[in-house]
Amino acid sequence: MKKIRLKTLILSDVHLGTVDCKISEVNHLLKNVKCERLILNGDIIDGWRLQRSGGWTKEHSRFVRLILKMIEKKDTEVIYLRGNHDDILTRFLPLAFGNLRIVEEYIHQTAKGNYLVLHGDIFDAVTMKMPFISHLGDLGYKWLLRLNRLYNRFRSWRGKEYFSLSKVIKARVKSAVSFVSKYEDHLVTRARKKDCVGVICGHIHTPDDKRIEDIHYLNSGDWVESMTGLAETTDGTFEIIHWEQWRDRLPPMKPNEEEEGETTPLSWDHFKEAS
């Protein structure tokens, strides 16, 4: 089966270094897609979790190798935007190595106009102004995901598909819905100021494709719960990639791709020392 050809592939919130990262699925997607440009829109590596108790698997290292292979052998341009979980990169921005660029914001040119690309955490008041509360929230989210894993083991035993408890909870809690609405409004305002026709973000783990007045709002979701990304075709059209739908367009996963692999203890200090 031939690789799926795209103009641009956009992924965010992979959270490498966490148990809940759907690493086998995202690796299988990367392996079977050929694109001119790959945009990694923040929180690709979860520095917060690595700093506390995260683990790094062979499959996480394979993700990095796949990206490097895309740069070297497939001549793919890779744009990496820092997120809040990989905010250690802030001190080095902007940075460029050949076809790899690491930036804070990016203007993505399409056949239909320019799109502002940014992770979006700068419009999360808790993350920016109360980092201690944000870290506590991350711990709570970690426990919710642990409960989610147990629940989905039960569902798997009964032959049912993966189900995201946290996604349903966020959709039903009024304060969370209000937060998302304000978050989107801030991004749309920023896009207008940059004379862009659209904005592409991540951060809130909620994939979306809609118009907010005159601005096209796109969110790539995540690879912890929703397993989604964004694909751009040659005519500038965007589509949300849902893993459940796209896996039927890809060759079957090999048995070793489905294994999580041996966990290698690794802390964020390794990355600090490397830098």
Protein backbone atom coordinates (compact mmCIF):
# COMPACT_ATOMS: atom_id res chain seq x y z
CA MET A 1 0.00 0.00 0.00
CA LYS A 2 1.34 3.41 -0.99
CA LYS A 3 1.93 6.19 1.52
CA ILE A 4 -0.77 8.83 1.92
CA ARG A 5 0.46 12.03 0.29
CA LEU A 6 -0.33 15.36 1.97
CA LYS A 7 0.86 18.90 1.56
CA THR A 8 0.99 19.47 5.33
CA LEU A 9 0.51 17.28 8.40
CA ILE A 10 -0.13 19.03 11.73
CA LEU A 11 0.20 17.24 15.08
CA SER A 12 0.17 18.59 18.62
CA ASP A 13 0.11 17.36 22.20
CA VAL A 14 1.80 14.01 21.64
CA HIS A 15 3.20 14.14 25.22
CA LEU A 16 6.19 11.88 24.72
CA GLY A 17 7.42 10.60 28.07
CA THR A 18 3.96 9.79 29.44
CA VAL A 19 2.23 6.44 29.80
CA ASP A 20 -0.92 7.76 28.14
CA CYS A 21 0.77 8.87 24.91
CA LYS A 22 -0.74 6.84 22.04
CA ILE A 23 2.73 6.34 20.64
CA SER A 24 2.15 3.24 18.50
CA GLU A 25 -0.71 4.93 16.66
CA VAL A 26 1.06 8.22 15.99
CA ASN A 27 4.23 6.40 14.89
CA HIS A 28 2.24 4.25 12.47
CA LEU A 29 0.66 7.38 11.00
CA LEU A 30 4.03 9.09 10.55
CA LYS A 31 5.53 6.00 8.95
CA ASN A 32 2.82 5.88 6.29
CA VAL A 33 2.40 9.55 5.40
CA LYS A 34 4.51 11.59 2.98
CA CYS A 35 4.17 15.36 3.31
CA GLU A 36 5.97 18.50 2.21
CA ARG A 37 5.71 20.05 5.67
CA LEU A 38 5.20 18.64 9.15
CA ILE A 39 4.06 21.06 11.86
CA LEU A 40 4.56 19.88 15.44
CA ASN A 41 2.41 22.33 17.35
CA GLY A 42 3.66 22.10 20.93
CA ASP A 43 3.69 19.66 23.86
CA ILE A 44 5.39 17.03 21.72
CA ILE A 45 7.67 16.16 24.65
CA ASP A 46 6.10 16.35 28.11
CA GLY A 47 8.83 17.98 30.18
CA TRP A 48 6.55 18.43 33.18
CA ARG A 49 5.91 14.71 33.50
CA LEU A 50 9.53 13.76 32.77
CA GLN A 51 10.68 16.09 35.50
CA ARG A 52 8.50 14.29 38.03
CA SER A 53 8.23 10.61 37.17
CA GLY A 54 7.87 10.15 33.44
CA GLY A 55 9.21 7.19 31.52
CA TRP A 56 10.64 7.04 28.04
CA THR A 57 10.03 3.98 25.86
CA LYS A 58 11.76 2.70 22.73
CA GLU A 59 8.66 3.73 20.81
CA HIS A 60 9.12 7.31 22.00
CA SER A 61 12.66 7.28 20.66
CA ARG A 62 11.30 5.82 17.41
CA PHE A 63 9.02 8.87 17.06
CA VAL A 64 12.10 11.11 17.12
CA ARG A 65 13.90 8.89 14.58
CA LEU A 66 10.88 8.98 12.26
CA ILE A 67 10.92 12.79 12.32
CA LEU A 68 14.65 12.90 11.58
CA LYS A 69 14.15 10.41 8.74
CA MET A 70 11.42 12.62 7.26
CA ILE A 71 13.83 15.57 7.33
CA GLU A 72 16.83 13.72 5.94
CA LYS A 73 15.42 11.22 3.44
CA LYS A 74 12.03 12.64 2.48
CA ASP A 75 13.07 16.31 2.41
CA THR A 76 10.20 17.26 4.70
CA GLU A 77 10.24 20.72 6.28
CA VAL A 78 9.54 20.40 10.01
CA ILE A 79 8.23 23.32 12.06
CA TYR A 80 8.28 22.74 15.81
CA LEU A 81 6.34 25.24 17.97
CA ARG A 82 7.02 25.16 21.68
CA GLY A 83 4.17 24.38 24.04
CA ASN A 84 3.81 24.80 27.78
CA HIS A 85 4.93 21.23 28.58
CA ASP A 86 8.09 21.66 26.48
CA ASP A 87 8.60 25.30 27.47
CA ILE A 88 12.32 24.72 28.14
CA LEU A 89 12.70 25.45 24.42
CA THR A 90 11.68 29.09 24.97
CA ARG A 91 15.20 30.15 25.94
CA PHE A 92 16.57 28.99 22.57
CA LEU A 93 13.95 30.44 20.20
CA PRO A 94 14.04 30.94 17.31
CA LEU A 95 16.28 28.08 16.22
CA ALA A 96 16.96 26.50 12.82
CA PHE A 97 18.85 23.41 11.68
CA GLY A 98 18.47 22.90 7.94
CA ASN A 99 14.87 21.77 7.38
CA LEU A 100 14.02 21.94 11.09
CA ARG A 101 12.80 25.19 12.66
CA ILE A 102 11.79 25.69 16.28
CA VAL A 103 9.67 28.83 16.79
CA GLU A 104 7.07 30.52 19.00
CA GLU A 105 4.61 31.35 16.21
CA TYR A 106 4.44 30.49 12.54
CA ILE A 107 2.57 31.92 9.55
CA HIS A 108 1.46 29.04 7.37
CA GLN A 109 0.80 30.02 3.76
CA THR A 110 -1.98 28.19 1.90
CA ALA A 111 -3.76 28.58 -1.41
CA LYS A 112 -6.64 30.20 0.49
CA GLY A 113 -4.61 32.63 2.61
CA ASN A 114 -2.32 32.74 5.63
CA TYR A 115 -2.97 30.84 8.86
CA LEU A 116 -1.49 31.78 12.22
CA VAL A 117 -0.05 28.68 13.92
CA LEU A 118 0.71 28.64 17.65
CA HIS A 119 0.28 26.16 20.50
CA GLY A 120 -2.21 28.43 22.29
CA ASP A 121 -1.10 28.23 25.91
CA ILE A 122 -0.46 31.99 25.99
CA PHE A 123 -4.25 32.42 26.09
CA ASP A 124 -4.64 30.06 29.05
CA ALA A 125 -4.66 32.40 32.07
CA VAL A 126 -3.99 29.58 34.54
CA THR A 127 -0.96 28.31 32.63
CA MET A 128 0.53 31.78 32.17
CA LYS A 129 -0.30 33.52 35.48
CA MET A 130 -0.67 30.65 37.97
CA PRO A 131 1.82 27.93 36.95
CA PHE A 132 1.59 26.22 40.37
CA ILE A 133 -2.17 25.72 39.92
CA SER A 134 -1.52 24.55 36.37
CA HIS A 135 0.88 21.86 37.61
CA LEU A 136 -1.68 20.73 40.21
CA GLY A 137 -4.25 20.50 37.43
CA ASP A 138 -1.81 18.40 35.43
CA LEU A 139 -1.53 15.97 38.37
CA GLY A 140 -5.31 15.73 38.54
CA TYR A 141 -5.43 15.10 34.81
CA LYS A 142 -2.84 12.35 35.25
CA TRP A 143 -5.09 10.54 37.75
CA LEU A 144 -8.11 10.98 35.50
CA LEU A 145 -6.17 9.38 32.65
CA ARG A 146 -5.16 6.52 34.94
CA LEU A 147 -8.83 5.90 35.70
CA ASN A 148 -9.48 6.15 31.98
CA ARG A 149 -6.89 3.40 31.31
CA LEU A 150 -8.55 1.03 33.80
CA TYR A 151 -11.97 1.71 32.32
CA ASN A 152 -10.74 1.06 28.79
CA ARG A 153 -9.11 -2.22 29.78
CA PHE A 154 -12.56 -3.31 30.88
CA ARG A 155 -14.04 -2.06 27.60
CA SER A 156 -11.34 -3.86 25.62
CA TRP A 157 -12.12 -7.09 27.51
CA ARG A 158 -15.72 -6.68 26.39
CA GLY A 159 -14.61 -6.05 22.78
CA LYS A 160 -15.50 -2.36 22.73
CA GLU A 161 -13.65 0.62 21.24
CA TYR A 162 -11.53 3.12 23.20
CA PHE A 163 -13.60 5.71 25.09
CA SER A 164 -12.33 8.96 26.62
CA LEU A 165 -13.86 9.68 30.01
CA SER A 166 -12.00 12.96 30.39
CA LYS A 167 -13.20 14.17 27.01
CA VAL A 168 -16.83 13.60 27.99
CA ILE A 169 -16.34 15.26 31.39
CA LYS A 170 -14.78 18.36 29.80
CA ALA A 171 -17.63 18.59 27.28
CA ARG A 172 -20.27 18.51 30.04
CA VAL A 173 -18.72 20.77 32.67
CA LYS A 174 -20.04 24.30 32.13
CA SER A 175 -16.84 26.05 33.31
CA ALA A 176 -14.75 24.01 30.88
CA VAL A 177 -17.08 24.88 27.99
CA SER A 178 -16.84 28.58 28.95
CA PHE A 179 -13.03 28.38 29.10
CA VAL A 180 -12.83 26.84 25.61
CA SER A 181 -15.11 29.54 24.20
CA LYS A 182 -12.96 32.36 25.63
CA TYR A 183 -9.80 30.56 24.49
CA GLU A 184 -11.08 30.40 20.93
CA ASP A 185 -12.10 34.06 20.94
CA HIS A 186 -8.59 35.15 22.01
CA LEU A 187 -7.01 33.11 19.21
CA VAL A 188 -9.39 34.50 16.60
CA THR A 189 -8.58 38.07 17.69
CA ARG A 190 -4.86 37.34 17.41
CA ALA A 191 -5.31 35.90 13.90
CA ARG A 192 -7.12 39.07 12.76
CA LYS A 193 -4.29 41.24 14.10
CA LYS A 194 -1.85 39.16 12.04
CA ASP A 195 -4.02 39.62 8.90
CA CYS A 196 -4.61 35.87 8.71
CA VAL A 197 -7.70 34.07 7.40
CA GLY A 198 -7.39 31.33 10.00
CA VAL A 199 -5.69 30.09 13.16
CA ILE A 200 -4.30 26.63 13.96
CA CYS A 201 -3.69 25.64 17.57
CA GLY A 202 -3.57 22.76 20.06
CA HIS A 203 -3.22 22.82 23.87
CA ILE A 204 -6.80 22.04 24.96
CA HIS A 205 -6.87 18.50 23.47
CA THR A 206 -10.11 19.24 21.62
CA PRO A 207 -9.99 18.80 17.82
CA ASP A 208 -12.10 21.26 15.89
CA ASP A 209 -12.70 22.72 12.43
CA LYS A 210 -15.15 25.61 12.25
CA ARG A 211 -15.64 29.23 11.35
CA ILE A 212 -15.77 31.86 14.08
CA GLU A 213 -17.15 34.89 12.25
CA ASP A 214 -14.56 35.64 9.53
CA ILE A 215 -11.79 33.38 10.88
CA HIS A 216 -11.26 29.67 10.18
CA TYR A 217 -10.49 28.03 13.55
CA LEU A 218 -8.61 24.72 13.58
CA ASN A 219 -7.44 22.67 16.55
CA SER A 220 -5.34 19.55 15.96
CA GLY A 221 -6.45 17.78 19.16
CA ASP A 222 -3.94 15.41 20.76
CA TRP A 223 -2.43 11.90 20.91
CA VAL A 224 -3.46 11.19 24.49
CA GLU A 225 -7.25 11.12 24.21
CA SER A 226 -8.67 12.03 20.82
CA MET A 227 -5.84 10.67 18.60
CA THR A 228 -6.32 13.39 15.99
CA GLY A 229 -4.32 15.71 13.78
CA LEU A 230 -4.85 17.98 10.79
CA ALA A 231 -4.14 17.29 7.14
CA GLU A 232 -3.84 19.92 4.42
CA THR A 233 -4.28 18.95 0.77
CA THR A 234 -2.60 20.71 -2.18
CA ASP A 235 -5.60 23.01 -2.71
CA GLY A 236 -5.41 24.40 0.83
CA THR A 237 -8.28 22.34 2.23
CA PHE A 238 -7.95 21.08 5.81
CA GLU A 239 -9.30 17.87 7.28
CA ILE A 240 -9.24 16.53 10.84
CA ILE A 241 -7.45 13.18 10.97
CA HIS A 242 -9.31 10.80 13.28
CA TRP A 243 -7.21 7.71 13.97
CA GLU A 244 -10.23 5.40 14.03
CA GLN A 245 -11.10 6.45 10.47
CA TRP A 246 -7.58 6.83 9.04
CA ARG A 247 -6.21 3.50 10.24
CA ASP A 248 -8.35 1.78 7.60
CA ARG A 249 -6.44 3.76 4.94
CA LEU A 250 -3.09 2.56 6.30
CA PRO A 251 -1.41 -0.86 6.08
CA PRO A 252 -1.99 -3.06 9.15
CA MET A 253 0.22 -2.38 12.16
CA LYS A 254 2.91 -4.98 12.69
CA PRO A 255 2.86 -6.82 16.04
CA ASN A 256 6.02 -5.09 17.29
CA GLU A 257 4.47 -1.68 16.52
CA GLU A 258 1.65 -2.37 18.93
CA GLU A 259 3.98 -3.10 21.82
CA GLU A 260 4.84 -0.26 24.16
CA GLY A 261 8.42 -1.47 24.52
CA GLU A 262 10.70 -1.39 27.50
CA THR A 263 10.44 1.75 29.59
CA THR A 264 13.68 3.66 30.04
CA PRO A 265 13.80 5.93 33.10
CA LEU A 266 14.43 9.42 31.80
CA SER A 267 13.98 12.82 33.37
CA TRP A 268 13.78 16.31 31.88
CA ASP A 269 17.27 16.87 33.29
CA HIS A 270 18.62 14.73 30.44
CA PHE A 271 17.30 17.28 27.96
CA LYS A 272 18.62 20.20 30.01
CA GLU A 273 22.07 18.64 30.08
CA ALA A 274 21.94 17.87 26.36
CA SER A 275 21.14 21.49 25.62
